[in-house]
N, C-alpha and C. Protein backbone atom coordinates (compact mmCIF):
# COMPACT_ATOMS: atom_id res chain seq x y z
N UNK A 1 -9.02 4.75 0.38
CA UNK A 1 -8.62 5.79 -0.53
C UNK A 1 -9.87 6.33 -1.22
N UNK A 2 -9.99 7.62 -1.27
CA UNK A 2 -11.14 8.24 -1.94
C UNK A 2 -11.01 8.12 -3.45
N UNK A 3 -12.15 8.17 -4.12
CA UNK A 3 -12.17 8.00 -5.57
C UNK A 3 -11.41 9.08 -6.32
N UNK A 4 -11.31 10.27 -5.78
CA UNK A 4 -10.66 11.37 -6.51
C UNK A 4 -9.19 11.54 -6.12
N UNK A 5 -8.59 10.53 -5.50
CA UNK A 5 -7.20 10.58 -5.07
C UNK A 5 -6.27 10.47 -6.27
N UNK A 6 -5.15 11.18 -6.21
CA UNK A 6 -4.11 11.08 -7.23
C UNK A 6 -2.93 10.34 -6.61
N UNK A 7 -2.47 9.28 -7.27
CA UNK A 7 -1.42 8.42 -6.74
C UNK A 7 -0.16 8.57 -7.59
N UNK A 8 0.97 8.76 -6.94
CA UNK A 8 2.26 8.80 -7.62
C UNK A 8 2.93 7.45 -7.42
N UNK A 9 3.18 6.74 -8.50
CA UNK A 9 3.75 5.41 -8.46
C UNK A 9 5.20 5.47 -8.93
N UNK A 10 6.13 5.07 -8.06
CA UNK A 10 7.55 5.06 -8.41
C UNK A 10 7.87 3.77 -9.16
N UNK A 11 8.61 3.89 -10.25
CA UNK A 11 8.94 2.74 -11.10
C UNK A 11 10.44 2.73 -11.34
N UNK A 12 11.10 1.63 -10.96
CA UNK A 12 12.56 1.55 -11.09
C UNK A 12 13.01 0.82 -12.35
N UNK A 13 12.07 0.21 -13.06
CA UNK A 13 12.44 -0.57 -14.23
C UNK A 13 12.61 -2.04 -13.93
N UNK A 14 12.55 -2.41 -12.66
CA UNK A 14 12.70 -3.82 -12.29
C UNK A 14 11.40 -4.58 -12.59
N UNK A 15 11.50 -5.90 -12.54
CA UNK A 15 10.32 -6.72 -12.81
C UNK A 15 9.25 -6.52 -11.74
N UNK A 16 9.65 -6.30 -10.49
CA UNK A 16 8.66 -6.09 -9.43
C UNK A 16 7.94 -4.76 -9.61
N UNK A 17 8.65 -3.73 -10.05
CA UNK A 17 8.00 -2.44 -10.33
C UNK A 17 7.04 -2.56 -11.50
N UNK A 18 7.45 -3.31 -12.50
CA UNK A 18 6.59 -3.52 -13.67
C UNK A 18 5.34 -4.31 -13.28
N UNK A 19 5.49 -5.29 -12.39
CA UNK A 19 4.34 -6.07 -11.93
C UNK A 19 3.37 -5.18 -11.16
N UNK A 20 3.89 -4.31 -10.30
CA UNK A 20 3.03 -3.39 -9.55
C UNK A 20 2.29 -2.46 -10.50
N UNK A 21 2.99 -1.91 -11.47
CA UNK A 21 2.37 -1.03 -12.45
C UNK A 21 1.27 -1.76 -13.21
N UNK A 22 1.52 -3.00 -13.58
CA UNK A 22 0.52 -3.81 -14.29
C UNK A 22 -0.71 -4.04 -13.41
N UNK A 23 -0.51 -4.37 -12.13
CA UNK A 23 -1.63 -4.61 -11.23
C UNK A 23 -2.48 -3.35 -11.04
N UNK A 24 -1.82 -2.21 -10.86
CA UNK A 24 -2.56 -0.95 -10.70
C UNK A 24 -3.30 -0.62 -11.99
N UNK A 25 -2.63 -0.75 -13.12
CA UNK A 25 -3.25 -0.45 -14.42
C UNK A 25 -4.47 -1.34 -14.66
N UNK A 26 -4.34 -2.63 -14.34
CA UNK A 26 -5.44 -3.57 -14.50
C UNK A 26 -6.63 -3.16 -13.63
N UNK A 27 -6.36 -2.70 -12.42
CA UNK A 27 -7.42 -2.27 -11.52
C UNK A 27 -8.15 -1.03 -11.98
N UNK A 28 -7.57 -0.28 -12.90
CA UNK A 28 -8.19 0.94 -13.40
C UNK A 28 -9.00 0.73 -14.68
N UNK A 29 -8.92 -0.45 -15.27
CA UNK A 29 -9.62 -0.72 -16.52
C UNK A 29 -11.12 -0.86 -16.32
N UNK A 30 -11.88 -0.45 -17.30
CA UNK A 30 -13.35 -0.48 -17.23
C UNK A 30 -13.90 -1.90 -17.13
N UNK A 31 -13.17 -2.88 -17.61
CA UNK A 31 -13.65 -4.27 -17.59
C UNK A 31 -13.34 -4.99 -16.28
N UNK A 32 -12.63 -4.34 -15.37
CA UNK A 32 -12.28 -4.95 -14.08
C UNK A 32 -13.50 -4.98 -13.18
N UNK A 33 -13.72 -6.12 -12.51
CA UNK A 33 -14.90 -6.30 -11.65
C UNK A 33 -14.93 -5.28 -10.51
N UNK A 34 -13.86 -5.18 -9.73
CA UNK A 34 -13.79 -4.21 -8.63
C UNK A 34 -12.84 -3.09 -9.06
N UNK A 35 -13.34 -2.24 -9.91
CA UNK A 35 -12.53 -1.19 -10.51
C UNK A 35 -12.20 -0.10 -9.50
N UNK A 36 -10.97 0.40 -9.57
CA UNK A 36 -10.54 1.53 -8.75
C UNK A 36 -10.81 2.82 -9.51
N UNK A 37 -11.09 3.87 -8.79
CA UNK A 37 -11.36 5.17 -9.41
C UNK A 37 -10.42 6.22 -8.84
N UNK A 38 -9.18 6.19 -9.28
CA UNK A 38 -8.23 7.22 -8.91
C UNK A 38 -7.28 7.43 -10.08
N UNK A 39 -6.61 8.56 -10.06
CA UNK A 39 -5.66 8.89 -11.12
C UNK A 39 -4.26 8.47 -10.69
N UNK A 40 -3.45 8.05 -11.65
CA UNK A 40 -2.06 7.72 -11.34
C UNK A 40 -1.11 8.49 -12.23
N UNK A 41 0.04 8.76 -11.67
CA UNK A 41 1.19 9.26 -12.41
C UNK A 41 2.33 8.33 -12.08
N UNK A 42 3.20 8.10 -13.04
CA UNK A 42 4.33 7.21 -12.83
C UNK A 42 5.61 8.02 -12.97
N UNK A 43 6.51 7.86 -12.01
CA UNK A 43 7.81 8.51 -12.07
C UNK A 43 8.86 7.41 -12.13
N UNK A 44 9.78 7.53 -13.08
CA UNK A 44 10.86 6.56 -13.22
C UNK A 44 12.03 7.00 -12.36
N UNK A 45 12.51 6.10 -11.51
CA UNK A 45 13.64 6.39 -10.63
C UNK A 45 14.78 5.44 -10.99
N UNK A 46 15.88 5.99 -11.45
CA UNK A 46 17.05 5.19 -11.80
C UNK A 46 18.03 5.27 -10.64
N UNK A 47 17.99 4.30 -9.75
CA UNK A 47 18.84 4.29 -8.57
C UNK A 47 20.27 3.87 -8.83
N UNK A 48 20.56 3.33 -9.98
CA UNK A 48 21.90 2.84 -10.26
C UNK A 48 22.87 3.87 -10.79
N UNK A 49 22.40 5.03 -11.18
CA UNK A 49 23.27 6.03 -11.78
C UNK A 49 23.24 7.36 -11.04
N UNK A 50 22.90 7.30 -9.77
CA UNK A 50 22.85 8.53 -8.98
C UNK A 50 24.25 8.89 -8.49
N UNK A 51 24.57 10.14 -8.49
CA UNK A 51 25.89 10.56 -8.00
C UNK A 51 25.97 10.40 -6.48
N UNK A 52 24.83 10.20 -5.83
CA UNK A 52 24.82 10.02 -4.38
C UNK A 52 24.90 8.55 -3.99
N UNK A 53 24.84 7.66 -4.97
CA UNK A 53 24.84 6.22 -4.71
C UNK A 53 26.27 5.75 -4.51
N UNK A 54 26.54 5.12 -3.37
CA UNK A 54 27.87 4.60 -3.06
C UNK A 54 27.90 3.10 -3.30
N UNK A 55 28.89 2.62 -4.00
CA UNK A 55 29.03 1.17 -4.26
C UNK A 55 29.76 0.51 -3.12
């Protein structure tokens, strides 16, 4: 991935999504040894209340 890449991160509110967000955020911090240089945006996706979701 190039340094100027913009990444869209989907977040569902689950613990696994939160863990992924934490790992990516940690990798972007200035104090991280192997720091990543890209921009992120986070979009929240609520899959449980969609009118298209069938139970």
